[in-house]
Amino acid sequence: MVSFKIESLKCCIHLVNVNTFAAVKVFRNKIRVDFSLSRLIENKRIKKSIQMSAHRYLYHVDIFEAEEIDKELMGWIGEAYSKFNLKAG
């Protein structure tokens, strides 16, 4: 079972477990979903990518239609949740 909390900030909404694994920003004509992964993705849906460290990349995906929230996007968000939310033992 996936467990996380939602943090509402002035700038955006954070999805948080141990760490923030995704953020949603609302614009007039779109929403932007940001997430971090430990691998490079080359995909036309990625609006912007930033290499944060040797093994961490931040991605921005713009959503204009509900249909764009699909298995591919949810897979990336699920991967972000899994990779950056392991509790220290």
C-alpha atoms as a PDB file:
ATOM      1  CA  MET A   1       0.000   0.000   0.000  1.00  0.00           C
ATOM      2  CA  VAL A   2       1.294   3.437  -0.948  1.00  0.00           C
ATOM      3  CA  SER A   3       1.246   5.958   1.884  1.00  0.00           C
ATOM      4  CA  PHE A   4       2.059   9.646   1.551  1.00  0.00           C
ATOM      5  CA  LYS A   5       0.871  13.022   2.712  1.00  0.00           C
ATOM      6  CA  ILE A   6      -0.117  16.082   0.737  1.00  0.00           C
ATOM      7  CA  GLU A   7       1.503  19.392   1.651  1.00  0.00           C
ATOM      8  CA  SER A   8      -0.221  22.469   0.275  1.00  0.00           C
ATOM      9  CA  LEU A   9       2.220  25.340  -0.202  1.00  0.00           C
ATOM     10  CA  LYS A  10       1.771  28.770  -1.791  1.00  0.00           C
ATOM     11  CA  CYS A  11       3.678  27.693  -4.900  1.00  0.00           C
ATOM     12  CA  CYS A  12       2.492  24.129  -5.325  1.00  0.00           C
ATOM     13  CA  ILE A  13       1.299  20.886  -3.804  1.00  0.00           C
ATOM     14  CA  HIS A  14       3.967  18.443  -2.584  1.00  0.00           C
ATOM     15  CA  LEU A  15       3.484  14.701  -2.361  1.00  0.00           C
ATOM     16  CA  VAL A  16       5.599  13.522   0.567  1.00  0.00           C
ATOM     17  CA  ASN A  17       6.468  10.254   2.232  1.00  0.00           C
ATOM     18  CA  VAL A  18       9.947  10.338   3.775  1.00  0.00           C
ATOM     19  CA  ASN A  19      10.935  12.911   1.129  1.00  0.00           C
ATOM     20  CA  THR A  20       9.073  14.967  -1.435  1.00  0.00           C
ATOM     21  CA  PHE A  21       8.784  12.682  -4.440  1.00  0.00           C
ATOM     22  CA  ALA A  22       6.520  14.811  -6.632  1.00  0.00           C
ATOM     23  CA  ALA A  23       5.040  18.283  -6.868  1.00  0.00           C
ATOM     24  CA  VAL A  24       2.073  19.691  -8.748  1.00  0.00           C
ATOM     25  CA  LYS A  25       1.931  23.325  -9.832  1.00  0.00           C
ATOM     26  CA  VAL A  26      -1.249  24.873 -11.196  1.00  0.00           C
ATOM     27  CA  PHE A  27      -1.123  27.360 -14.071  1.00  0.00           C
ATOM     28  CA  ARG A  28      -3.909  29.046 -15.990  1.00  0.00           C
ATOM     29  CA  ASN A  29      -3.980  26.538 -18.856  1.00  0.00           C
ATOM     30  CA  LYS A  30      -2.045  23.543 -17.505  1.00  0.00           C
ATOM     31  CA  ILE A  31      -0.665  21.767 -14.497  1.00  0.00           C
ATOM     32  CA  ARG A  32       3.007  20.906 -14.150  1.00  0.00           C
ATOM     33  CA  VAL A  33       4.090  17.702 -12.479  1.00  0.00           C
ATOM     34  CA  ASP A  34       7.655  17.604 -11.137  1.00  0.00           C
ATOM     35  CA  PHE A  35       9.394  14.444  -9.941  1.00  0.00           C
ATOM     36  CA  SER A  36      12.930  13.124  -9.395  1.00  0.00           C
ATOM     37  CA  LEU A  37      14.449   9.887 -10.631  1.00  0.00           C
ATOM     38  CA  SER A  38      17.863   8.292 -10.399  1.00  0.00           C
ATOM     39  CA  ARG A  39      18.060   7.800 -14.157  1.00  0.00           C
ATOM     40  CA  LEU A  40      17.963   9.880 -17.292  1.00  0.00           C
ATOM     41  CA  ILE A  41      14.702   9.884 -19.264  1.00  0.00           C
ATOM     42  CA  GLU A  42      14.632  11.030 -22.859  1.00  0.00           C
ATOM     43  CA  ASN A  43      10.979  11.459 -23.757  1.00  0.00           C
ATOM     44  CA  LYS A  44       9.102  14.134 -25.689  1.00  0.00           C
ATOM     45  CA  ARG A  45       6.698  14.579 -22.748  1.00  0.00           C
ATOM     46  CA  ILE A  46       9.505  15.853 -20.525  1.00  0.00           C
ATOM     47  CA  LYS A  47       9.305  19.643 -20.758  1.00  0.00           C
ATOM     48  CA  LYS A  48      12.533  20.168 -18.822  1.00  0.00           C
ATOM     49  CA  SER A  49      15.094  18.014 -17.044  1.00  0.00           C
ATOM     50  CA  ILE A  50      17.760  19.121 -14.594  1.00  0.00           C
ATOM     51  CA  GLN A  51      20.643  16.959 -13.403  1.00  0.00           C
ATOM     52  CA  MET A  52      20.640  17.605  -9.649  1.00  0.00           C
ATOM     53  CA  SER A  53      23.580  15.296  -8.847  1.00  0.00           C
ATOM     54  CA  ALA A  54      25.437  12.363 -10.352  1.00  0.00           C
ATOM     55  CA  HIS A  55      22.433  10.085  -9.873  1.00  0.00           C
ATOM     56  CA  ARG A  56      19.429  12.375  -9.529  1.00  0.00           C
ATOM     57  CA  TYR A  57      17.420  14.103 -12.222  1.00  0.00           C
ATOM     58  CA  LEU A  58      14.473  16.472 -11.786  1.00  0.00           C
ATOM     59  CA  TYR A  59      11.774  16.340 -14.468  1.00  0.00           C
ATOM     60  CA  HIS A  60       8.936  18.694 -15.414  1.00  0.00           C
ATOM     61  CA  VAL A  61       5.924  17.383 -17.344  1.00  0.00           C
ATOM     62  CA  ASP A  62       3.168  19.762 -18.452  1.00  0.00           C
ATOM     63  CA  ILE A  63      -0.397  18.408 -18.481  1.00  0.00           C
ATOM     64  CA  PHE A  64      -3.023  20.076 -20.668  1.00  0.00           C
ATOM     65  CA  GLU A  65      -5.672  17.309 -20.844  1.00  0.00           C
ATOM     66  CA  ALA A  66      -6.827  14.733 -18.278  1.00  0.00           C
ATOM     67  CA  GLU A  67      -5.875  11.923 -20.678  1.00  0.00           C
ATOM     68  CA  GLU A  68      -2.212  12.899 -20.269  1.00  0.00           C
ATOM     69  CA  ILE A  69      -2.312  11.570 -16.696  1.00  0.00           C
ATOM     70  CA  ASP A  70      -1.678   8.040 -17.902  1.00  0.00           C
ATOM     71  CA  LYS A  71       0.209   4.859 -17.008  1.00  0.00           C
ATOM     72  CA  GLU A  72       3.521   6.278 -18.227  1.00  0.00           C
ATOM     73  CA  LEU A  73       3.312   9.400 -16.021  1.00  0.00           C
ATOM     74  CA  MET A  74       2.003   7.438 -13.043  1.00  0.00           C
ATOM     75  CA  GLY A  75       4.838   4.935 -13.528  1.00  0.00           C
ATOM     76  CA  TRP A  76       7.424   7.726 -13.297  1.00  0.00           C
ATOM     77  CA  ILE A  77       5.746   9.109 -10.166  1.00  0.00           C
ATOM     78  CA  GLY A  78       5.601   5.619  -8.659  1.00  0.00           C
ATOM     79  CA  GLU A  79       9.291   5.141  -9.412  1.00  0.00           C
ATOM     80  CA  ALA A  80      10.076   8.487  -7.751  1.00  0.00           C
ATOM     81  CA  TYR A  81       8.089   7.409  -4.691  1.00  0.00           C
ATOM     82  CA  SER A  82       9.980   4.100  -4.506  1.00  0.00           C
ATOM     83  CA  LYS A  83      13.489   5.428  -5.161  1.00  0.00           C
ATOM     84  CA  PHE A  84      13.583   8.401  -2.782  1.00  0.00           C
ATOM     85  CA  ASN A  85      11.377   7.277   0.097  1.00  0.00           C
ATOM     86  CA  LEU A  86      13.270   4.430   1.676  1.00  0.00           C
ATOM     87  CA  LYS A  87      13.481   4.892   5.415  1.00  0.00           C
ATOM     88  CA  ALA A  88      16.942   4.714   6.916  1.00  0.00           C
ATOM     89  CA  GLY A  89      17.406   1.439   8.790  1.00  0.00           C
END
